[in-house]
Amino acid sequence: MPIRNLGFGSGYTKLLCKPSAALRFFLSTKTFTMSLLIKYLSLCWFINNPADLVPPKSFMWKTVAFYLVSGCIVEGLIADPADGSLEVFLRTIMAFTSIATLLLIIRKWQYFNQLFTAIFVCENFIMTLAIAAEALDFIMVMNKEEYREEISIGLAVLLVGWYLAIVSYILRQMFSYRMSISIILAFGYFVLTYGIPMLVMDI
């Protein structure tokens, strides 16, 4: 029986249509977010140009939230949770400050959202791998693995090297720097965001 014959009028018809429209909007939004995330994660394999990716505000906030949570988890596994959380917050401040300073110097402030999102998403990926590495280290401790220390150090060096290569790639793609310049900037960014907070916490 057609809906108009039930006596509820066209308003009821619109109401019935709203859930399906809302569902389609929800699914399309989820699809867009997942597609954008995949494009950002492709930077970890040196694919795509971060300058071509425009993140919405919700995506940026989720990226920062994951950055804080994953960082606190990693630091909590290797140090005191309170001190580790403070170090992560200092690292976040240094990350934003370093990116902002670079963009102000080269007068490319319009790329701030794109640059910090690209770096943070890739760093979140590396942090996720670091959490897995810490879990592997715990398993090796429980199993009394003879070469646990060598394996852990090797994984740490691999992740740091990969991270530096990713940041270097992002800077090179976004600003057309020479490889040598992008590597120096990536190393400087690493020292500022990890070295300085670590020194502050050791004081």
N, C-alpha and C. Protein backbone atom coordinates (compact mmCIF):
# COMPACT_ATOMS: atom_id res chain seq x y z
N MET A 1 0.86 -1.20 0.00
CA MET A 1 0.00 0.00 0.00
C MET A 1 0.89 1.24 0.00
N PRO A 2 0.66 2.21 -0.89
CA PRO A 2 1.48 3.42 -0.92
C PRO A 2 1.39 4.16 0.41
N ILE A 3 2.46 4.80 0.79
CA ILE A 3 2.52 5.50 2.06
C ILE A 3 1.52 6.64 2.13
N ARG A 4 1.25 7.31 0.98
CA ARG A 4 0.33 8.44 1.01
C ARG A 4 -1.09 8.04 1.38
N ASN A 5 -1.42 6.77 1.23
CA ASN A 5 -2.76 6.30 1.56
C ASN A 5 -2.93 5.97 3.04
N LEU A 6 -1.87 6.03 3.81
CA LEU A 6 -1.96 5.70 5.23
C LEU A 6 -2.39 6.90 6.06
N GLY A 7 -2.40 8.07 5.43
CA GLY A 7 -2.90 9.25 6.14
C GLY A 7 -1.85 10.01 6.90
N PHE A 8 -0.57 9.68 6.68
CA PHE A 8 0.49 10.37 7.42
C PHE A 8 1.06 11.54 6.63
N GLY A 9 0.78 11.63 5.33
CA GLY A 9 1.24 12.77 4.54
C GLY A 9 2.68 12.64 4.09
N SER A 10 3.13 13.64 3.36
CA SER A 10 4.47 13.62 2.77
C SER A 10 5.55 13.77 3.83
N GLY A 11 5.23 14.40 4.95
CA GLY A 11 6.23 14.56 6.01
C GLY A 11 6.70 13.23 6.55
N TYR A 12 5.76 12.28 6.66
CA TYR A 12 6.13 10.95 7.15
C TYR A 12 7.02 10.24 6.13
N THR A 13 6.72 10.47 4.85
CA THR A 13 7.54 9.88 3.80
C THR A 13 8.97 10.38 3.90
N LYS A 14 9.14 11.69 4.13
CA LYS A 14 10.48 12.25 4.28
C LYS A 14 11.19 11.67 5.50
N LEU A 15 10.42 11.46 6.58
CA LEU A 15 11.00 10.92 7.79
C LEU A 15 11.52 9.51 7.56
N LEU A 16 10.73 8.72 6.78
CA LEU A 16 11.17 7.36 6.47
C LEU A 16 12.42 7.36 5.61
N CYS A 17 12.57 8.38 4.80
CA CYS A 17 13.71 8.45 3.91
C CYS A 17 14.98 8.91 4.62
N LYS A 18 14.81 9.61 5.74
CA LYS A 18 15.97 10.18 6.43
C LYS A 18 16.96 9.13 6.91
N PRO A 19 16.53 8.02 7.55
CA PRO A 19 17.51 7.04 8.01
C PRO A 19 18.40 6.51 6.90
N SER A 20 17.81 6.20 5.74
CA SER A 20 18.61 5.67 4.64
C SER A 20 19.57 6.73 4.12
N ALA A 21 19.11 7.98 4.08
CA ALA A 21 20.00 9.07 3.65
C ALA A 21 21.14 9.26 4.64
N ALA A 22 20.80 9.19 5.93
CA ALA A 22 21.84 9.32 6.97
C ALA A 22 22.83 8.17 6.88
N LEU A 23 22.32 6.97 6.61
CA LEU A 23 23.20 5.80 6.49
C LEU A 23 24.13 5.95 5.30
N ARG A 24 23.59 6.43 4.18
CA ARG A 24 24.42 6.61 3.00
C ARG A 24 25.51 7.66 3.27
N PHE A 25 25.13 8.73 3.98
CA PHE A 25 26.10 9.77 4.32
C PHE A 25 27.18 9.21 5.23
N PHE A 26 26.76 8.41 6.24
CA PHE A 26 27.71 7.82 7.17
C PHE A 26 28.70 6.91 6.44
N LEU A 27 28.16 6.06 5.56
CA LEU A 27 29.02 5.14 4.83
C LEU A 27 29.96 5.87 3.89
N SER A 28 29.45 6.92 3.23
CA SER A 28 30.30 7.68 2.32
C SER A 28 31.41 8.39 3.08
N THR A 29 31.08 8.89 4.28
CA THR A 29 32.10 9.55 5.11
C THR A 29 33.17 8.57 5.55
N LYS A 30 32.73 7.37 6.00
CA LYS A 30 33.68 6.34 6.41
C LYS A 30 34.56 5.92 5.25
N THR A 31 33.96 5.79 4.06
CA THR A 31 34.72 5.40 2.88
C THR A 31 35.75 6.45 2.53
N PHE A 32 35.34 7.74 2.61
CA PHE A 32 36.27 8.83 2.32
C PHE A 32 37.43 8.84 3.32
N THR A 33 37.12 8.67 4.62
CA THR A 33 38.16 8.67 5.65
C THR A 33 39.14 7.52 5.45
N MET A 34 38.62 6.33 5.15
CA MET A 34 39.48 5.18 4.93
C MET A 34 40.34 5.37 3.69
N SER A 35 39.75 5.92 2.64
CA SER A 35 40.51 6.17 1.42
C SER A 35 41.63 7.18 1.66
N LEU A 36 41.32 8.23 2.43
CA LEU A 36 42.33 9.24 2.74
C LEU A 36 43.43 8.65 3.61
N LEU A 37 43.05 7.82 4.57
CA LEU A 37 44.04 7.18 5.45
C LEU A 37 44.99 6.30 4.65
N ILE A 38 44.45 5.55 3.70
CA ILE A 38 45.28 4.68 2.86
C ILE A 38 46.26 5.50 2.04
N LYS A 39 45.78 6.64 1.53
CA LYS A 39 46.66 7.52 0.76
C LYS A 39 47.79 8.07 1.63
N TYR A 40 47.46 8.43 2.87
CA TYR A 40 48.50 8.92 3.77
C TYR A 40 49.47 7.81 4.16
N LEU A 41 48.95 6.62 4.42
CA LEU A 41 49.82 5.50 4.79
C LEU A 41 50.72 5.09 3.64
N SER A 42 50.29 5.37 2.42
CA SER A 42 51.13 5.06 1.26
C SER A 42 52.43 5.85 1.28
N LEU A 43 52.43 6.98 2.00
CA LEU A 43 53.66 7.76 2.14
C LEU A 43 54.75 6.94 2.83
N CYS A 44 54.33 6.00 3.68
CA CYS A 44 55.31 5.15 4.38
C CYS A 44 56.06 4.26 3.40
N TRP A 45 55.49 4.04 2.23
CA TRP A 45 56.13 3.26 1.17
C TRP A 45 56.56 4.17 0.03
N PHE A 46 56.66 5.48 0.35
CA PHE A 46 57.17 6.48 -0.59
C PHE A 46 56.32 6.57 -1.86
N ILE A 47 55.00 6.56 -1.63
CA ILE A 47 54.03 6.72 -2.70
C ILE A 47 53.13 7.92 -2.34
N ASN A 48 52.72 8.67 -3.34
CA ASN A 48 51.85 9.85 -3.22
C ASN A 48 52.64 11.10 -2.82
N ASN A 49 52.01 12.23 -3.04
CA ASN A 49 52.57 13.52 -2.67
C ASN A 49 51.67 14.13 -1.60
N PRO A 50 52.20 14.41 -0.42
CA PRO A 50 51.35 14.97 0.65
C PRO A 50 50.72 16.30 0.30
N ALA A 51 51.31 17.03 -0.65
CA ALA A 51 50.75 18.31 -1.06
C ALA A 51 49.42 18.13 -1.79
N ASP A 52 49.18 16.92 -2.31
CA ASP A 52 47.94 16.65 -3.03
C ASP A 52 46.81 16.17 -2.11
N LEU A 53 47.14 15.94 -0.83
CA LEU A 53 46.16 15.42 0.11
C LEU A 53 45.67 16.55 1.02
N VAL A 54 44.36 16.72 1.09
CA VAL A 54 43.78 17.79 1.92
C VAL A 54 42.93 17.14 3.01
N PRO A 55 43.42 17.10 4.25
CA PRO A 55 42.69 16.43 5.33
C PRO A 55 41.60 17.32 5.94
N PRO A 56 40.41 16.77 6.22
CA PRO A 56 39.40 17.54 6.95
C PRO A 56 39.80 17.66 8.42
N LYS A 57 39.17 18.58 9.13
CA LYS A 57 39.54 18.83 10.54
C LYS A 57 39.34 17.60 11.41
N SER A 58 38.27 16.85 11.18
CA SER A 58 38.01 15.66 12.00
C SER A 58 39.13 14.64 11.84
N PHE A 59 39.62 14.50 10.62
CA PHE A 59 40.72 13.57 10.36
C PHE A 59 41.98 14.02 11.08
N MET A 60 42.24 15.33 11.08
CA MET A 60 43.44 15.85 11.75
C MET A 60 43.37 15.63 13.26
N TRP A 61 42.21 15.88 13.85
CA TRP A 61 42.07 15.69 15.30
C TRP A 61 42.24 14.22 15.68
N LYS A 62 41.69 13.32 14.88
CA LYS A 62 41.85 11.88 15.14
C LYS A 62 43.31 11.47 15.03
N THR A 63 44.00 12.06 14.07
CA THR A 63 45.42 11.76 13.89
C THR A 63 46.23 12.19 15.11
N VAL A 64 45.95 13.39 15.61
CA VAL A 64 46.65 13.89 16.79
C VAL A 64 46.32 13.03 18.02
N ALA A 65 45.05 12.65 18.16
CA ALA A 65 44.63 11.82 19.29
C ALA A 65 45.35 10.47 19.27
N PHE A 66 45.42 9.87 18.10
CA PHE A 66 46.13 8.58 17.98
C PHE A 66 47.61 8.76 18.27
N TYR A 67 48.17 9.88 17.83
CA TYR A 67 49.58 10.19 18.08
C TYR A 67 49.86 10.23 19.58
N LEU A 68 48.97 10.88 20.33
CA LEU A 68 49.15 10.99 21.78
C LEU A 68 48.97 9.63 22.46
N VAL A 69 47.92 8.91 22.08
CA VAL A 69 47.63 7.62 22.73
C VAL A 69 48.73 6.61 22.45
N SER A 70 49.11 6.47 21.17
CA SER A 70 50.14 5.48 20.82
C SER A 70 51.48 5.84 21.45
N GLY A 71 51.79 7.14 21.50
CA GLY A 71 53.03 7.56 22.13
C GLY A 71 53.04 7.24 23.61
N CYS A 72 51.92 7.47 24.29
CA CYS A 72 51.83 7.17 25.72
C CYS A 72 51.94 5.68 25.98
N ILE A 73 51.39 4.87 25.09
CA ILE A 73 51.48 3.42 25.26
C ILE A 73 52.93 2.96 25.15
N VAL A 74 53.63 3.44 24.13
CA VAL A 74 55.03 3.05 23.94
C VAL A 74 55.88 3.49 25.11
N GLU A 75 55.74 4.75 25.52
CA GLU A 75 56.53 5.26 26.64
C GLU A 75 56.16 4.56 27.94
N GLY A 76 54.88 4.22 28.10
CA GLY A 76 54.45 3.51 29.30
C GLY A 76 55.03 2.12 29.40
N LEU A 77 55.35 1.52 28.25
CA LEU A 77 55.93 0.18 28.23
C LEU A 77 57.41 0.17 28.58
N ILE A 78 58.08 1.31 28.35
CA ILE A 78 59.53 1.34 28.58
C ILE A 78 59.94 2.27 29.72
N ALA A 79 58.99 3.02 30.27
CA ALA A 79 59.33 3.96 31.36
C ALA A 79 58.12 4.13 32.26
N ASP A 80 58.27 5.01 33.24
CA ASP A 80 57.16 5.33 34.13
C ASP A 80 56.03 5.97 33.32
N PRO A 81 54.79 5.48 33.45
CA PRO A 81 53.68 6.00 32.63
C PRO A 81 53.48 7.50 32.75
N ALA A 82 53.60 8.05 33.95
CA ALA A 82 53.41 9.49 34.14
C ALA A 82 54.50 10.28 33.43
N ASP A 83 55.75 9.89 33.64
CA ASP A 83 56.86 10.58 32.97
C ASP A 83 56.77 10.39 31.46
N GLY A 84 56.40 9.18 31.04
CA GLY A 84 56.28 8.90 29.62
C GLY A 84 55.21 9.74 28.95
N SER A 85 54.07 9.91 29.63
CA SER A 85 52.98 10.73 29.08
C SER A 85 53.40 12.19 28.97
N LEU A 86 54.13 12.69 29.97
CA LEU A 86 54.62 14.06 29.92
C LEU A 86 55.59 14.25 28.76
N GLU A 87 56.44 13.26 28.55
CA GLU A 87 57.40 13.33 27.44
C GLU A 87 56.68 13.35 26.09
N VAL A 88 55.59 12.59 25.98
CA VAL A 88 54.82 12.57 24.74
C VAL A 88 54.18 13.93 24.48
N PHE A 89 53.66 14.57 25.52
CA PHE A 89 53.07 15.90 25.35
C PHE A 89 54.14 16.92 24.96
N LEU A 90 55.32 16.82 25.55
CA LEU A 90 56.42 17.71 25.16
C LEU A 90 56.82 17.45 23.71
N ARG A 91 56.83 16.19 23.32
CA ARG A 91 57.17 15.82 21.95
C ARG A 91 56.16 16.41 20.96
N THR A 92 54.89 16.38 21.35
CA THR A 92 53.84 16.92 20.49
C THR A 92 54.01 18.42 20.31
N ILE A 93 54.31 19.11 21.41
CA ILE A 93 54.54 20.56 21.34
C ILE A 93 55.73 20.87 20.44
N MET A 94 56.80 20.10 20.59
CA MET A 94 58.00 20.32 19.78
C MET A 94 57.72 20.01 18.31
N ALA A 95 56.89 19.01 18.05
CA ALA A 95 56.56 18.66 16.67
C ALA A 95 55.82 19.81 15.99
N PHE A 96 54.78 20.33 16.65
CA PHE A 96 54.03 21.44 16.09
C PHE A 96 54.91 22.69 15.93
N THR A 97 55.74 22.94 16.94
CA THR A 97 56.61 24.11 16.90
C THR A 97 57.63 24.01 15.77
N SER A 98 58.21 22.84 15.60
CA SER A 98 59.22 22.63 14.56
C SER A 98 58.62 22.80 13.17
N ILE A 99 57.45 22.21 12.96
CA ILE A 99 56.78 22.32 11.65
C ILE A 99 56.38 23.76 11.37
N ALA A 100 55.82 24.42 12.38
CA ALA A 100 55.40 25.81 12.21
C ALA A 100 56.59 26.71 11.91
N THR A 101 57.70 26.51 12.62
CA THR A 101 58.90 27.33 12.41
C THR A 101 59.44 27.16 11.00
N LEU A 102 59.51 25.92 10.54
CA LEU A 102 60.00 25.66 9.18
C LEU A 102 59.13 26.37 8.14
N LEU A 103 57.83 26.24 8.28
CA LEU A 103 56.91 26.83 7.30
C LEU A 103 56.93 28.35 7.34
N LEU A 104 57.12 28.92 8.52
CA LEU A 104 57.23 30.39 8.61
C LEU A 104 58.51 30.88 7.96
N ILE A 105 59.59 30.12 8.13
CA ILE A 105 60.87 30.53 7.55
C ILE A 105 60.81 30.49 6.02
N ILE A 106 60.21 29.44 5.48
CA ILE A 106 60.16 29.30 4.01
C ILE A 106 58.90 29.93 3.42
N ARG A 107 58.06 30.54 4.29
CA ARG A 107 56.84 31.23 3.86
C ARG A 107 55.88 30.30 3.12
N LYS A 108 55.64 29.16 3.72
CA LYS A 108 54.71 28.18 3.15
C LYS A 108 53.67 27.76 4.20
N TRP A 109 53.18 28.73 4.98
CA TRP A 109 52.29 28.42 6.08
C TRP A 109 51.02 27.71 5.63
N GLN A 110 50.61 27.89 4.40
CA GLN A 110 49.37 27.29 3.92
C GLN A 110 49.44 25.76 3.88
N TYR A 111 50.65 25.21 4.01
CA TYR A 111 50.83 23.76 3.98
C TYR A 111 50.87 23.14 5.37
N PHE A 112 50.59 23.94 6.40
CA PHE A 112 50.75 23.43 7.77
C PHE A 112 49.90 22.19 8.02
N ASN A 113 48.60 22.25 7.73
CA ASN A 113 47.72 21.11 8.00
C ASN A 113 48.15 19.87 7.23
N GLN A 114 48.52 20.05 5.98
CA GLN A 114 48.93 18.92 5.16
C GLN A 114 50.24 18.30 5.64
N LEU A 115 51.18 19.17 6.03
CA LEU A 115 52.49 18.66 6.46
C LEU A 115 52.41 17.93 7.78
N PHE A 116 51.79 18.56 8.79
CA PHE A 116 51.76 17.89 10.09
C PHE A 116 50.91 16.62 10.04
N THR A 117 49.84 16.61 9.25
CA THR A 117 49.02 15.41 9.15
C THR A 117 49.79 14.28 8.50
N ALA A 118 50.53 14.59 7.44
CA ALA A 118 51.33 13.56 6.75
C ALA A 118 52.37 12.96 7.69
N ILE A 119 53.08 13.82 8.41
CA ILE A 119 54.12 13.33 9.33
C ILE A 119 53.49 12.55 10.48
N PHE A 120 52.40 13.06 11.04
CA PHE A 120 51.79 12.40 12.19
C PHE A 120 51.19 11.04 11.82
N VAL A 121 50.53 10.96 10.67
CA VAL A 121 49.95 9.67 10.26
C VAL A 121 51.05 8.62 10.10
N CYS A 122 52.13 9.00 9.44
CA CYS A 122 53.23 8.06 9.24
C CYS A 122 53.92 7.72 10.57
N GLU A 123 54.03 8.70 11.44
CA GLU A 123 54.62 8.42 12.75
C GLU A 123 53.71 7.50 13.57
N ASN A 124 52.40 7.67 13.42
CA ASN A 124 51.47 6.76 14.09
C ASN A 124 51.68 5.33 13.62
N PHE A 125 51.93 5.17 12.33
CA PHE A 125 52.20 3.83 11.80
C PHE A 125 53.48 3.26 12.41
N ILE A 126 54.53 4.07 12.48
CA ILE A 126 55.78 3.61 13.08
C ILE A 126 55.59 3.30 14.56
N MET A 127 54.79 4.12 15.25
CA MET A 127 54.52 3.88 16.67
C MET A 127 53.77 2.56 16.87
N THR A 128 52.86 2.26 15.96
CA THR A 128 52.14 0.99 16.05
C THR A 128 53.11 -0.18 15.91
N LEU A 129 54.06 -0.05 14.99
CA LEU A 129 55.09 -1.08 14.85
C LEU A 129 55.98 -1.14 16.09
N ALA A 130 56.22 0.02 16.71
CA ALA A 130 57.04 0.05 17.93
C ALA A 130 56.34 -0.68 19.07
N ILE A 131 55.01 -0.52 19.15
CA ILE A 131 54.24 -1.24 20.17
C ILE A 131 54.36 -2.75 19.94
N ALA A 132 54.27 -3.16 18.67
CA ALA A 132 54.43 -4.58 18.34
C ALA A 132 55.83 -5.07 18.69
N ALA A 133 56.85 -4.20 18.47
CA ALA A 133 58.22 -4.56 18.81
C ALA A 133 58.40 -4.73 20.31
N GLU A 134 57.74 -3.86 21.09
CA GLU A 134 57.80 -3.99 22.54
C GLU A 134 57.12 -5.27 23.01
N ALA A 135 56.02 -5.63 22.37
CA ALA A 135 55.34 -6.88 22.70
C ALA A 135 56.22 -8.07 22.37
N LEU A 136 56.92 -7.99 21.23
CA LEU A 136 57.84 -9.06 20.84
C LEU A 136 58.98 -9.17 21.84
N ASP A 137 59.48 -8.02 22.30
CA ASP A 137 60.56 -8.02 23.30
C ASP A 137 60.10 -8.69 24.59
N PHE A 138 58.85 -8.41 25.00
CA PHE A 138 58.32 -9.04 26.21
C PHE A 138 58.24 -10.56 26.04
N ILE A 139 57.81 -10.99 24.87
CA ILE A 139 57.73 -12.43 24.60
C ILE A 139 59.12 -13.06 24.65
N MET A 140 60.10 -12.37 24.09
CA MET A 140 61.47 -12.89 24.09
C MET A 140 62.03 -12.96 25.51
N VAL A 141 61.66 -11.99 26.35
CA VAL A 141 62.09 -12.02 27.75
C VAL A 141 61.49 -13.23 28.46
N MET A 142 60.21 -13.46 28.23
CA MET A 142 59.54 -14.60 28.86
C MET A 142 60.13 -15.93 28.40
N ASN A 143 60.53 -15.97 27.11
CA ASN A 143 61.10 -17.20 26.57
C ASN A 143 62.62 -17.28 26.72
N LYS A 144 63.19 -16.26 27.36
CA LYS A 144 64.63 -16.20 27.60
C LYS A 144 65.42 -16.35 26.30
N GLU A 145 65.02 -15.56 25.31
CA GLU A 145 65.69 -15.58 24.01
C GLU A 145 67.13 -15.08 24.16
N GLU A 146 68.07 -15.87 23.62
CA GLU A 146 69.48 -15.56 23.79
C GLU A 146 69.87 -14.24 23.11
N TYR A 147 69.30 -13.97 21.94
CA TYR A 147 69.67 -12.79 21.18
C TYR A 147 68.60 -11.69 21.26
N ARG A 148 67.92 -11.64 22.38
CA ARG A 148 66.85 -10.67 22.54
C ARG A 148 67.34 -9.24 22.38
N GLU A 149 68.44 -8.91 23.03
CA GLU A 149 68.94 -7.54 22.99
C GLU A 149 69.33 -7.13 21.57
N GLU A 150 70.01 -8.02 20.86
CA GLU A 150 70.42 -7.71 19.49
C GLU A 150 69.21 -7.52 18.57
N ILE A 151 68.20 -8.36 18.75
CA ILE A 151 66.99 -8.25 17.93
C ILE A 151 66.26 -6.95 18.22
N SER A 152 66.13 -6.60 19.50
CA SER A 152 65.43 -5.38 19.89
C SER A 152 66.15 -4.14 19.35
N ILE A 153 67.47 -4.13 19.48
CA ILE A 153 68.25 -2.99 18.97
C ILE A 153 68.12 -2.90 17.45
N GLY A 154 68.16 -4.04 16.78
CA GLY A 154 68.03 -4.06 15.33
C GLY A 154 66.69 -3.52 14.87
N LEU A 155 65.62 -3.91 15.56
CA LEU A 155 64.28 -3.41 15.21
C LEU A 155 64.17 -1.91 15.46
N ALA A 156 64.76 -1.45 16.57
CA ALA A 156 64.72 -0.02 16.90
C ALA A 156 65.44 0.79 15.83
N VAL A 157 66.61 0.33 15.41
CA VAL A 157 67.38 1.03 14.37
C VAL A 157 66.61 1.04 13.05
N LEU A 158 65.98 -0.10 12.74
CA LEU A 158 65.19 -0.18 11.51
C LEU A 158 64.03 0.81 11.52
N LEU A 159 63.31 0.90 12.64
CA LEU A 159 62.16 1.80 12.73
C LEU A 159 62.58 3.27 12.67
N VAL A 160 63.68 3.59 13.36
CA VAL A 160 64.16 4.98 13.33
C VAL A 160 64.62 5.35 11.92
N GLY A 161 65.37 4.45 11.28
CA GLY A 161 65.83 4.71 9.92
C GLY A 161 64.68 4.86 8.95
N TRP A 162 63.67 4.02 9.09
CA TRP A 162 62.48 4.11 8.24
C TRP A 162 61.74 5.43 8.47
N TYR A 163 61.64 5.81 9.74
CA TYR A 163 60.96 7.06 10.09
C TYR A 163 61.67 8.26 9.46
N LEU A 164 62.99 8.30 9.56
CA LEU A 164 63.75 9.39 8.97
C LEU A 164 63.58 9.43 7.46
N ALA A 165 63.56 8.25 6.83
CA ALA A 165 63.37 8.18 5.38
C ALA A 165 61.99 8.70 4.98
N ILE A 166 60.97 8.38 5.79
CA ILE A 166 59.60 8.84 5.49
C ILE A 166 59.50 10.36 5.59
N VAL A 167 60.00 10.91 6.70
CA VAL A 167 59.94 12.37 6.88
C VAL A 167 60.72 13.07 5.78
N SER A 168 61.87 12.52 5.43
CA SER A 168 62.66 13.09 4.34
C SER A 168 61.89 13.06 3.02
N TYR A 169 61.21 11.95 2.76
CA TYR A 169 60.42 11.83 1.54
C TYR A 169 59.28 12.86 1.51
N ILE A 170 58.60 13.02 2.65
CA ILE A 170 57.48 13.97 2.73
C ILE A 170 57.97 15.39 2.44
N LEU A 171 59.07 15.78 3.05
CA LEU A 171 59.61 17.13 2.83
C LEU A 171 60.07 17.31 1.39
N ARG A 172 60.68 16.27 0.83
CA ARG A 172 61.17 16.38 -0.55
C ARG A 172 60.03 16.50 -1.55
N GLN A 173 58.96 15.72 -1.30
CA GLN A 173 57.82 15.77 -2.20
C GLN A 173 57.04 17.08 -2.09
N MET A 174 56.92 17.58 -0.88
CA MET A 174 56.09 18.77 -0.66
C MET A 174 56.79 20.05 -1.09
N PHE A 175 58.11 20.11 -0.90
CA PHE A 175 58.82 21.36 -1.16
C PHE A 175 59.91 21.24 -2.23
N SER A 176 60.01 20.07 -2.87
CA SER A 176 60.98 19.86 -3.97
C SER A 176 62.41 20.10 -3.52
N TYR A 177 62.73 19.71 -2.27
CA TYR A 177 64.10 19.83 -1.79
C TYR A 177 64.99 18.76 -2.42
N ARG A 178 66.29 19.03 -2.44
CA ARG A 178 67.24 17.98 -2.81
C ARG A 178 67.25 16.94 -1.70
N MET A 179 67.67 15.74 -2.04
CA MET A 179 67.64 14.65 -1.07
C MET A 179 68.49 14.97 0.16
N SER A 180 69.67 15.57 -0.06
CA SER A 180 70.55 15.88 1.06
C SER A 180 69.90 16.86 2.03
N ILE A 181 69.23 17.88 1.49
CA ILE A 181 68.56 18.87 2.33
C ILE A 181 67.41 18.23 3.11
N SER A 182 66.63 17.40 2.43
CA SER A 182 65.49 16.78 3.10
C SER A 182 65.94 15.83 4.20
N ILE A 183 67.04 15.14 4.00
CA ILE A 183 67.57 14.23 5.03
C ILE A 183 68.04 15.02 6.24
N ILE A 184 68.73 16.15 6.00
CA ILE A 184 69.19 16.99 7.11
C ILE A 184 68.01 17.54 7.90
N LEU A 185 66.98 18.00 7.20
CA LEU A 185 65.79 18.53 7.86
C LEU A 185 65.06 17.44 8.65
N ALA A 186 64.98 16.25 8.07
CA ALA A 186 64.32 15.13 8.75
C ALA A 186 65.08 14.76 10.03
N PHE A 187 66.40 14.74 9.95
CA PHE A 187 67.20 14.41 11.14
C PHE A 187 67.05 15.51 12.19
N GLY A 188 67.04 16.77 11.73
CA GLY A 188 66.85 17.87 12.68
C GLY A 188 65.50 17.80 13.36
N TYR A 189 64.47 17.46 12.58
CA TYR A 189 63.13 17.31 13.16
C TYR A 189 63.11 16.19 14.19
N PHE A 190 63.79 15.10 13.91
CA PHE A 190 63.85 13.97 14.85
C PHE A 190 64.54 14.38 16.15
N VAL A 191 65.63 15.10 16.03
CA VAL A 191 66.37 15.55 17.22
C VAL A 191 65.51 16.49 18.06
N LEU A 192 64.81 17.42 17.39
CA LEU A 192 63.99 18.39 18.11
C LEU A 192 62.80 17.73 18.81
N THR A 193 62.15 16.78 18.14
CA THR A 193 60.92 16.20 18.69
C THR A 193 61.17 15.05 19.66
N TYR A 194 62.32 14.41 19.55
CA TYR A 194 62.61 13.29 20.46
C TYR A 194 63.76 13.62 21.41
N GLY A 195 64.80 14.26 20.89
CA GLY A 195 65.97 14.52 21.71
C GLY A 195 65.73 15.54 22.80
N ILE A 196 65.14 16.68 22.45
CA ILE A 196 64.92 17.74 23.44
C ILE A 196 63.97 17.30 24.56
N PRO A 197 62.79 16.70 24.25
CA PRO A 197 61.94 16.22 25.36
C PRO A 197 62.64 15.21 26.25
N MET A 198 63.47 14.36 25.66
CA MET A 198 64.20 13.37 26.45
C MET A 198 65.20 14.05 27.39
N LEU A 199 65.88 15.09 26.87
CA LEU A 199 66.82 15.83 27.71
C LEU A 199 66.09 16.55 28.85
N VAL A 200 64.94 17.13 28.53
CA VAL A 200 64.15 17.84 29.55
C VAL A 200 63.73 16.88 30.66
N MET A 201 63.32 15.68 30.28
CA MET A 201 62.87 14.70 31.27
C MET A 201 64.02 14.17 32.12
N ASP A 202 65.25 14.23 31.57
CA ASP A 202 66.41 13.74 32.32
C ASP A 202 66.96 14.78 33.28
N ILE A 203 66.52 16.04 33.13
CA ILE A 203 67.02 17.09 34.03
C ILE A 203 66.42 16.95 35.43
